[in-house]
Protein backbone atom coordinates (compact mmCIF):
# COMPACT_ATOMS: atom_id res chain seq x y z
CA MET A 1 -16.35 -70.00 287.90
CA GLU A 2 -19.09 -69.11 284.79
CA PRO A 3 -18.47 -70.42 281.80
CA GLU A 4 -17.55 -67.85 278.70
CA ARG A 5 -20.28 -66.35 276.86
CA PRO A 6 -20.34 -66.98 273.26
CA THR A 7 -19.45 -64.10 271.07
CA ALA A 8 -21.69 -61.67 269.13
CA ILE A 9 -20.05 -59.30 266.99
CA GLN A 10 -21.66 -55.90 266.50
CA LEU A 11 -20.82 -53.75 263.90
CA LYS A 12 -21.45 -50.00 263.66
CA THR A 13 -19.95 -47.58 261.48
CA THR A 14 -19.78 -44.88 264.37
CA TYR A 15 -19.90 -45.71 267.58
CA LEU A 16 -21.68 -44.26 269.11
CA ALA A 17 -23.89 -40.85 268.27
CA LEU A 18 -24.99 -39.53 271.88
CA SER A 19 -28.59 -39.71 270.43
CA GLU A 20 -28.05 -43.77 270.43
CA THR A 21 -28.06 -44.11 274.13
CA PHE A 22 -30.71 -46.63 273.13
CA ILE A 23 -28.09 -49.42 271.47
CA TYR A 24 -25.53 -48.62 274.43
CA ARG A 25 -28.24 -49.43 277.17
CA HIS A 26 -29.24 -52.80 275.17
CA LEU A 27 -25.48 -53.85 274.76
CA ILE A 28 -24.01 -53.22 278.10
CA ARG A 29 -27.54 -55.35 279.94
CA LEU A 30 -26.52 -58.88 277.66
CA CYS A 31 -26.37 -61.21 279.94
CA SER A 32 -25.95 -64.50 278.03
CA TRP A 33 -23.92 -63.22 275.04
CA GLN A 34 -20.55 -61.30 275.04
CA PRO A 35 -20.54 -58.09 272.54
CA LEU A 36 -17.49 -57.32 270.95
CA VAL A 37 -17.85 -54.17 268.81
CA PHE A 38 -16.37 -52.76 265.49
CA ALA A 39 -16.88 -49.64 263.64
CA ASP A 40 -15.37 -47.47 261.31
CA HIS A 41 -15.48 -44.04 263.71
CA LEU A 42 -14.85 -44.35 267.16
CA THR A 43 -16.68 -41.57 269.63
CA ASN A 44 -17.59 -40.69 272.48
CA LEU A 45 -16.41 -43.66 274.22
CA ALA A 46 -16.16 -42.05 277.81
CA ALA A 47 -19.65 -42.16 277.71
CA PHE A 48 -20.26 -45.23 276.45
CA PRO A 49 -17.57 -47.62 277.62
CA LEU A 50 -17.42 -51.45 276.86
CA PRO A 51 -14.72 -53.81 277.68
CA HIS A 52 -14.21 -54.40 273.97
CA ILE A 53 -14.01 -51.72 271.42
CA GLY A 54 -11.90 -51.98 267.82
CA ARG A 55 -11.74 -49.65 264.99
CA LEU A 56 -12.14 -51.09 261.61
CA PRO A 57 -10.04 -49.87 258.58
CA LEU A 58 -11.60 -46.63 256.62
CA PRO A 59 -12.58 -47.35 253.22
CA ARG A 60 -10.36 -46.83 250.45
CA LEU A 61 -9.92 -42.55 249.59
CA PRO A 62 -11.84 -43.10 246.10
CA GLN A 63 -14.80 -44.68 247.44
CA ARG A 64 -14.88 -42.81 250.43
CA ALA A 65 -15.34 -39.53 248.33
CA ALA A 66 -17.79 -41.92 245.76
CA TYR A 67 -20.24 -42.24 248.02
CA ALA A 68 -20.20 -39.30 250.14
CA MET A 69 -21.29 -37.89 246.83
CA LEU A 70 -23.85 -40.38 246.06
CA ARG A 71 -25.05 -39.29 249.89
CA ARG A 72 -24.85 -35.82 249.35
CA LEU A 73 -26.66 -36.45 246.11
CA LEU A 74 -29.74 -38.23 247.59
CA ARG A 75 -29.33 -36.77 251.16
CA ASP A 76 -29.72 -40.32 252.86
CA GLU A 77 -26.70 -42.14 254.58
CA THR A 78 -27.55 -45.74 253.71
CA TRP A 79 -24.90 -45.73 250.96
CA ARG A 80 -21.98 -46.48 251.91
CA PRO A 81 -18.76 -48.63 251.28
CA VAL A 82 -18.76 -52.07 252.73
CA PHE A 83 -16.75 -52.62 256.23
CA ARG A 84 -13.05 -53.68 256.00
CA PRO A 85 -12.00 -56.20 258.93
CA CYS A 86 -8.91 -55.34 260.93
CA ARG A 87 -6.58 -57.56 262.67
CA ALA A 88 -8.59 -58.13 265.81
CA LEU A 89 -12.19 -59.10 263.85
CA GLN A 90 -10.47 -61.60 262.21
CA ALA A 91 -9.03 -62.79 265.04
CA ALA A 92 -12.07 -62.56 266.55
CA LEU A 93 -14.40 -64.24 263.91
CA PRO A 94 -13.28 -67.48 264.11
CA THR A 95 -15.18 -68.22 267.74
CA ALA A 96 -17.62 -65.46 266.72
CA ARG A 97 -21.66 -67.15 266.71
CA LEU A 98 -22.53 -64.57 264.74
CA LEU A 99 -22.75 -60.55 263.52
CA HIS A 100 -25.23 -57.78 264.28
CA ALA A 101 -25.28 -54.86 262.25
CA HIS A 102 -26.99 -51.70 263.93
CA PHE A 103 -29.19 -50.00 261.27
CA GLY A 104 -29.44 -50.57 257.36
CA GLU A 105 -26.57 -49.56 255.97
CA ALA A 106 -24.43 -51.33 258.45
CA GLY A 107 -26.19 -54.82 257.36
CA LEU A 108 -25.41 -53.94 253.58
CA ALA A 109 -21.76 -53.18 254.96
CA ALA A 110 -21.46 -56.44 256.50
CA LEU A 111 -22.60 -58.73 254.02
CA PRO A 112 -19.03 -59.46 252.46
CA ILE A 113 -17.86 -60.27 255.80
CA ALA A 114 -20.78 -62.63 257.02
CA ARG A 115 -20.26 -64.46 253.25
CA ARG A 116 -16.57 -65.09 253.79
CA SER A 117 -17.14 -66.11 257.38
CA ARG A 118 -19.70 -67.93 256.78
CA LEU A 119 -21.26 -66.12 260.34
CA PRO A 120 -25.12 -65.39 260.52
CA LEU A 121 -25.75 -61.65 260.12
CA ILE A 122 -28.32 -60.04 261.88
CA THR A 123 -29.42 -56.79 261.58
CA SER A 124 -31.40 -54.28 263.37
CA PHE A 125 -33.44 -51.43 261.73
CA HIS A 126 -34.10 -47.96 263.50
CA GLY A 127 -35.94 -45.89 261.79
CA ARG A 128 -34.57 -43.57 258.92
CA ASP A 129 -32.85 -46.43 257.68
CA VAL A 130 -36.62 -47.44 256.84
CA ALA A 131 -38.04 -44.51 255.98
CA LYS A 132 -35.92 -42.41 253.82
CA PRO A 133 -35.17 -45.66 251.43
CA ALA A 134 -38.89 -46.29 250.97
CA ALA A 135 -39.55 -42.25 250.13
CA ARG A 136 -36.83 -42.75 247.40
CA HIS A 137 -38.34 -45.39 245.93
CA TYR A 138 -35.12 -47.57 245.47
CA GLY A 139 -35.37 -49.30 249.05
CA ARG A 140 -36.08 -52.50 247.44
CA ARG A 141 -33.46 -52.70 245.39
CA LEU A 142 -31.11 -51.13 247.92
CA TYR A 143 -31.93 -53.88 250.45
CA ARG A 144 -32.55 -57.09 248.28
CA PRO A 145 -29.30 -58.50 249.02
CA LEU A 146 -29.17 -57.86 252.96
CA PHE A 147 -33.16 -59.33 252.57
CA THR A 148 -31.60 -62.19 250.86
CA HIS A 149 -28.70 -63.60 252.77
CA GLY A 150 -29.25 -61.99 256.64
CA ALA A 151 -30.09 -64.44 258.86
CA ALA A 152 -32.69 -62.07 260.90
CA PHE A 153 -34.45 -58.82 260.84
CA THR A 154 -34.95 -56.64 264.50
CA VAL A 155 -37.72 -53.78 264.45
CA VAL A 156 -38.86 -51.32 267.38
CA SER A 157 -42.33 -51.66 265.93
CA HIS A 158 -45.01 -53.36 264.34
CA HIS A 159 -45.42 -50.10 262.10
CA MET A 160 -41.60 -50.78 261.07
CA ARG A 161 -42.25 -54.07 260.51
CA ASP A 162 -44.65 -53.20 258.12
CA GLN A 163 -42.91 -50.72 256.53
CA LEU A 164 -39.85 -53.76 256.54
CA ILE A 165 -42.07 -56.21 254.83
CA THR A 166 -42.93 -53.54 252.01
CA LEU A 167 -39.61 -52.78 251.10
CA GLY A 168 -39.09 -56.77 250.56
CA ALA A 169 -38.08 -58.55 253.72
CA PRO A 170 -38.77 -61.55 254.28
CA ALA A 171 -41.37 -61.23 257.48
CA GLU A 172 -40.59 -64.72 258.98
CA ARG A 173 -37.18 -63.30 259.51
CA ILE A 174 -38.35 -59.84 261.22
CA HIS A 175 -38.91 -60.59 264.89
CA LEU A 176 -40.01 -57.21 267.39
CA VAL A 177 -37.69 -55.87 269.85
CA ARG A 178 -38.79 -53.28 271.67
CA THR A 179 -36.27 -50.48 272.44
CA GLY A 180 -36.35 -50.27 276.05
CA ILE A 181 -35.32 -48.28 278.95
CA ASP A 182 -35.33 -48.66 282.74
CA PRO A 183 -38.20 -47.50 284.18
CA ALA A 184 -36.95 -48.08 288.03
CA GLY A 185 -34.32 -45.08 286.55
CA ILE A 186 -36.85 -42.33 286.31
CA PRO A 187 -38.86 -41.26 289.48
CA PHE A 188 -42.69 -40.85 289.21
CA ALA A 189 -44.37 -38.34 290.27
CA PRO A 190 -48.39 -37.12 289.47
CA ARG A 191 -48.94 -33.62 288.24
CA SER A 192 -51.27 -31.13 288.41
CA PRO A 193 -50.78 -27.41 287.51
CA GLY A 194 -48.81 -24.88 289.85
CA SER A 195 -49.64 -21.41 290.59
CA ASN A 196 -46.75 -20.09 288.56
CA GLY A 197 -48.63 -21.66 285.17
CA VAL A 198 -47.67 -24.80 282.86
CA ARG A 199 -44.63 -25.75 281.87
CA LEU A 200 -44.28 -27.76 278.55
CA LEU A 201 -41.60 -29.52 278.25
CA SER A 202 -39.34 -31.19 274.20
CA ILE A 203 -36.64 -32.87 274.73
CA GLY A 204 -34.96 -34.28 271.47
CA ARG A 205 -32.29 -33.43 268.58
CA LEU A 206 -33.28 -30.04 266.46
CA VAL A 207 -33.97 -31.17 263.24
CA GLU A 208 -36.57 -31.41 260.99
CA LYS A 209 -38.32 -34.84 261.97
CA LYS A 210 -39.13 -33.35 265.80
CA GLY A 211 -41.77 -31.47 264.96
CA ILE A 212 -39.96 -28.25 267.18
CA HIS A 213 -41.00 -25.31 265.03
CA VAL A 214 -44.88 -26.93 265.59
CA ALA A 215 -44.67 -27.01 269.43
CA ILE A 216 -43.75 -23.35 269.21
CA ALA A 217 -46.03 -22.18 266.85
CA ALA A 218 -48.57 -24.33 268.94
CA VAL A 219 -47.35 -21.96 272.42
CA ALA A 220 -47.38 -18.66 269.73
CA ARG A 221 -51.17 -19.42 269.24
CA LEU A 222 -51.96 -20.31 273.15
CA HIS A 223 -49.86 -17.73 274.85
CA HIS A 224 -51.93 -15.05 275.49
CA ARG A 225 -55.13 -17.17 276.99
CA TYR A 226 -53.00 -19.15 279.93
CA ALA A 227 -50.82 -16.53 281.36
CA GLY A 228 -47.37 -18.03 282.63
CA LEU A 229 -47.50 -21.07 279.44
CA THR A 230 -43.58 -21.68 279.12
CA LEU A 231 -41.87 -24.46 276.68
CA THR A 232 -38.23 -25.48 277.44
CA ILE A 233 -36.85 -27.49 274.53
CA ILE A 234 -33.73 -30.09 275.43
CA GLY A 235 -31.33 -30.78 272.51
CA ASP A 236 -29.30 -29.07 270.23
CA GLY A 237 -29.23 -29.37 266.54
CA PRO A 238 -28.88 -28.15 262.80
CA LEU A 239 -32.32 -25.87 263.34
CA ARG A 240 -31.41 -24.41 266.57
CA ALA A 241 -30.79 -20.74 264.82
CA THR A 242 -33.97 -21.16 263.08
CA LEU A 243 -35.72 -21.99 265.50
CA GLU A 244 -34.76 -19.44 268.05
CA ALA A 245 -35.82 -16.76 265.34
CA GLN A 246 -38.79 -18.45 265.05
CA ALA A 247 -39.64 -17.78 268.62
CA GLN A 248 -38.75 -14.13 268.47
CA ALA A 249 -40.90 -13.78 265.36
CA ALA A 250 -43.68 -15.17 267.32
CA GLY A 251 -43.46 -13.19 270.11
CA VAL A 252 -42.90 -16.09 272.42
CA GLY A 253 -38.98 -15.12 272.83
CA ARG A 254 -39.59 -15.20 276.50
CA GLN A 255 -41.62 -17.89 276.61
CA VAL A 256 -39.53 -20.58 275.04
CA HIS A 257 -36.62 -21.47 276.53
CA PHE A 258 -33.79 -23.58 274.40
CA CYS A 259 -31.36 -25.44 276.68
CA GLY A 260 -29.02 -27.05 274.69
CA ALA A 261 -28.20 -30.68 274.97
CA GLN A 262 -27.94 -31.87 278.59
CA PRO A 263 -26.82 -34.34 280.66
CA ALA A 264 -29.23 -37.31 282.27
CA ALA A 265 -29.11 -35.52 285.49
CA ARG A 266 -30.60 -32.58 284.24
CA VAL A 267 -32.78 -34.17 281.85
CA LEU A 268 -34.42 -36.43 284.66
CA ALA A 269 -34.66 -32.79 286.86
CA GLU A 270 -36.71 -31.10 284.39
CA LEU A 271 -38.80 -34.28 283.20
CA ALA A 272 -39.78 -33.94 287.44
CA ALA A 273 -40.15 -30.17 286.63
CA ALA A 274 -42.53 -30.06 283.86
CA ASP A 275 -46.47 -30.06 283.61
CA LEU A 276 -46.89 -31.80 279.78
CA PHE A 277 -44.43 -32.97 277.47
CA VAL A 278 -44.87 -32.18 274.03
CA LEU A 279 -43.01 -33.20 270.77
CA PRO A 280 -44.94 -33.33 267.55
CA CYS A 281 -43.12 -35.54 265.22
CA LEU A 282 -43.35 -35.31 261.49
CA THR A 283 -42.26 -37.24 258.49
CA ALA A 284 -39.08 -34.85 256.94
CA ALA A 285 -39.12 -33.07 253.53
CA ASP A 286 -36.08 -35.68 252.51
CA GLY A 287 -38.41 -38.85 253.89
CA ASP A 288 -36.69 -39.38 257.55
CA GLN A 289 -39.30 -40.56 260.21
CA GLU A 290 -39.03 -41.65 263.77
CA GLY A 291 -38.45 -45.01 265.13
CA ALA A 292 -40.14 -45.25 268.41
CA PRO A 293 -38.44 -42.59 270.01
CA VAL A 294 -36.94 -43.34 273.53
CA VAL A 295 -37.52 -39.82 275.17
CA LEU A 296 -41.81 -40.46 274.71
CA MET A 297 -41.44 -43.60 276.96
CA GLU A 298 -39.25 -41.48 279.38
CA ALA A 299 -41.58 -38.66 279.81
CA LEU A 300 -44.21 -41.42 280.14
CA ALA A 301 -42.47 -43.28 282.78
CA ALA A 302 -41.85 -39.99 284.91
CA GLY A 303 -45.31 -39.93 284.50
CA LEU A 304 -46.28 -36.94 282.41
CA PRO A 305 -49.53 -36.76 280.12
CA VAL A 306 -47.84 -36.38 276.50
CA VAL A 307 -49.47 -34.63 273.35
CA SER A 308 -47.88 -35.92 269.94
CA THR A 309 -48.37 -37.27 266.63
CA HIS A 310 -50.52 -39.76 264.77
CA HIS A 311 -45.93 -40.79 263.24
CA ALA A 312 -44.17 -43.82 262.78
CA ALA A 313 -44.51 -45.97 266.24
CA ILE A 314 -46.13 -43.14 268.10
CA ALA A 315 -49.39 -44.76 268.63
CA GLU A 316 -47.96 -47.85 269.89
CA ILE A 317 -45.65 -45.42 272.90
CA VAL A 318 -48.63 -43.37 273.69
CA GLN A 319 -52.15 -44.39 273.78
CA HIS A 320 -54.13 -41.11 272.62
CA ASP A 321 -56.60 -40.49 275.14
CA VAL A 322 -55.42 -42.79 277.43
CA SER A 323 -51.80 -41.01 278.48
CA GLY A 324 -51.60 -38.46 275.77
CA LEU A 325 -53.10 -37.05 273.12
CA LEU A 326 -52.33 -37.31 269.51
CA ALA A 327 -52.68 -34.97 266.27
CA HIS A 328 -52.29 -35.45 263.23
CA GLU A 329 -48.33 -33.93 262.01
CA GLY A 330 -47.96 -30.69 260.83
CA ASP A 331 -51.12 -29.61 261.91
CA THR A 332 -50.22 -26.36 264.12
CA GLU A 333 -53.75 -26.15 264.62
CA GLU A 334 -54.80 -29.39 265.82
CA LEU A 335 -51.85 -29.64 267.74
CA SER A 336 -52.84 -26.37 269.69
CA ALA A 337 -56.27 -27.36 270.54
CA LEU A 338 -55.55 -30.71 271.85
CA LEU A 339 -52.67 -28.74 274.39
CA GLU A 340 -55.58 -26.64 275.45
CA ARG A 341 -57.83 -29.71 276.10
CA LEU A 342 -54.93 -30.45 279.01
CA LEU A 343 -54.58 -27.25 279.77
CA GLN A 344 -58.78 -27.00 281.05
CA GLN A 345 -58.65 -30.26 282.51
CA PRO A 346 -55.75 -30.49 284.84
CA GLU A 347 -58.10 -33.38 286.80
CA ARG A 348 -57.00 -35.51 284.34
CA TRP A 349 -53.33 -35.46 284.16
CA PRO A 350 -52.71 -37.70 287.10
CA ALA A 351 -54.67 -41.21 285.56
CA MET A 352 -52.80 -40.14 282.18
CA GLY A 353 -49.78 -39.90 283.80
CA ALA A 354 -50.21 -43.21 285.71
CA ALA A 355 -51.30 -44.79 282.50
CA GLY A 356 -48.23 -43.95 280.91
CA ARG A 357 -46.28 -45.54 283.71
CA ARG A 358 -48.10 -48.62 283.44
CA HIS A 359 -48.18 -48.69 279.86
CA VAL A 360 -43.92 -48.30 279.83
CA VAL A 361 -43.10 -50.57 282.80
CA GLU A 362 -45.45 -53.36 280.24
CA THR A 363 -44.10 -52.90 277.24
CA PHE A 364 -41.04 -50.87 277.06
CA ASP A 365 -38.91 -52.28 279.95
CA LEU A 366 -34.99 -52.75 278.71
CA ASN A 367 -34.75 -56.32 280.74
CA ARG A 368 -37.57 -57.54 278.80
CA ALA A 369 -36.36 -56.19 275.09
CA VAL A 370 -32.70 -57.46 276.09
CA ALA A 371 -34.23 -60.82 276.43
CA ALA A 372 -35.77 -60.76 273.70
CA LEU A 373 -32.93 -59.46 271.59
CA GLU A 374 -30.93 -63.04 273.63
CA GLN A 375 -33.76 -65.03 271.88
CA VAL A 376 -33.31 -63.63 268.79
CA TYR A 377 -29.55 -64.53 269.14
CA ASP A 378 -29.98 -67.82 270.55
CA GLN A 379 -32.45 -69.00 267.92
CA VAL A 380 -30.09 -67.56 264.78
CA ALA A 381 -27.06 -68.95 266.18
CA ARG A 382 -28.66 -72.47 266.56
CA GLN A 383 -30.14 -71.98 262.50
CA GLY A 384 -26.01 -71.08 261.60
CA GLU A 385 -24.99 -74.33 263.53
CA GLN A 386 -27.30 -76.63 261.84
CA THR A 387 -26.81 -75.20 258.14
């Protein structure tokens, strides 16, 4: 009989948005630790099942209203009331070994529970929770209590580690835990242009930071010179109508195909059918940024040469002029030029695809990422027992 695994209580404001599959992948792959999830809001449970998921009581109405107003004024989700423990969480705390909060706002909300239970608190940062506070110039003050009392912090990239240090996090308590994918689940194939033209693919939520509008503008600049050039966009979001109108106005309504959100099987099929992948991420007007876009890892694992931008941690994923090409943020002219370079050099596609697959296997393998997370759990638990 296997010994019972120690419990790592997972705290989240919402479990789990469809765009946060990367969190679920880590939780279900934990080997030596048992995740016990608690969140204010529960959604998509059929898509992300776990044996132990509990709902926390919502903050009291005056608190919810005050923080909702604050979030609207500052356009930042980091501001939220503290978590209110439910009976199941209270019962689990005495036997748990640590708390793990996902995103900076959950770390702040979990601090009172960590103090009362005297359990060490790990907070995982993922992107917007670092970029937005930094952009608003209140980040150091906002996160000071968390950086003072938190046992450890995980980041998905070296770039984010530097950002967190700038916000005041103690460097010695920051751990690199890459976002991981399972390359074995993504078929790899070298790419070469077909007789019906070149298929570009973009995948992502239709929000400003994904830069889809830049990709559409680039296609509009190129489609007259490259017959059969198309752009397929998988994903949905608040900018969909705006982007569809942009494509029509630019004269590429027939070349740009909006597919909306799609299940994993359709995404894999589109990755297999595409020739090149494009995702020109940029910093949004409110300061929102990417962390380490998982879709870029998936595209590289499939063998697709990638055209993206020098943004956040993307240069740690896409090796410029090796597995893809990187433009400056928001530069349509440069993005178009890089796409055209690849369109004119299809003989480079197989080598770039092989290099991208190799880099993903070596750096972003899910099993390695989970092992790194469990090492942080082990270290923090040992330190907690010594205090």
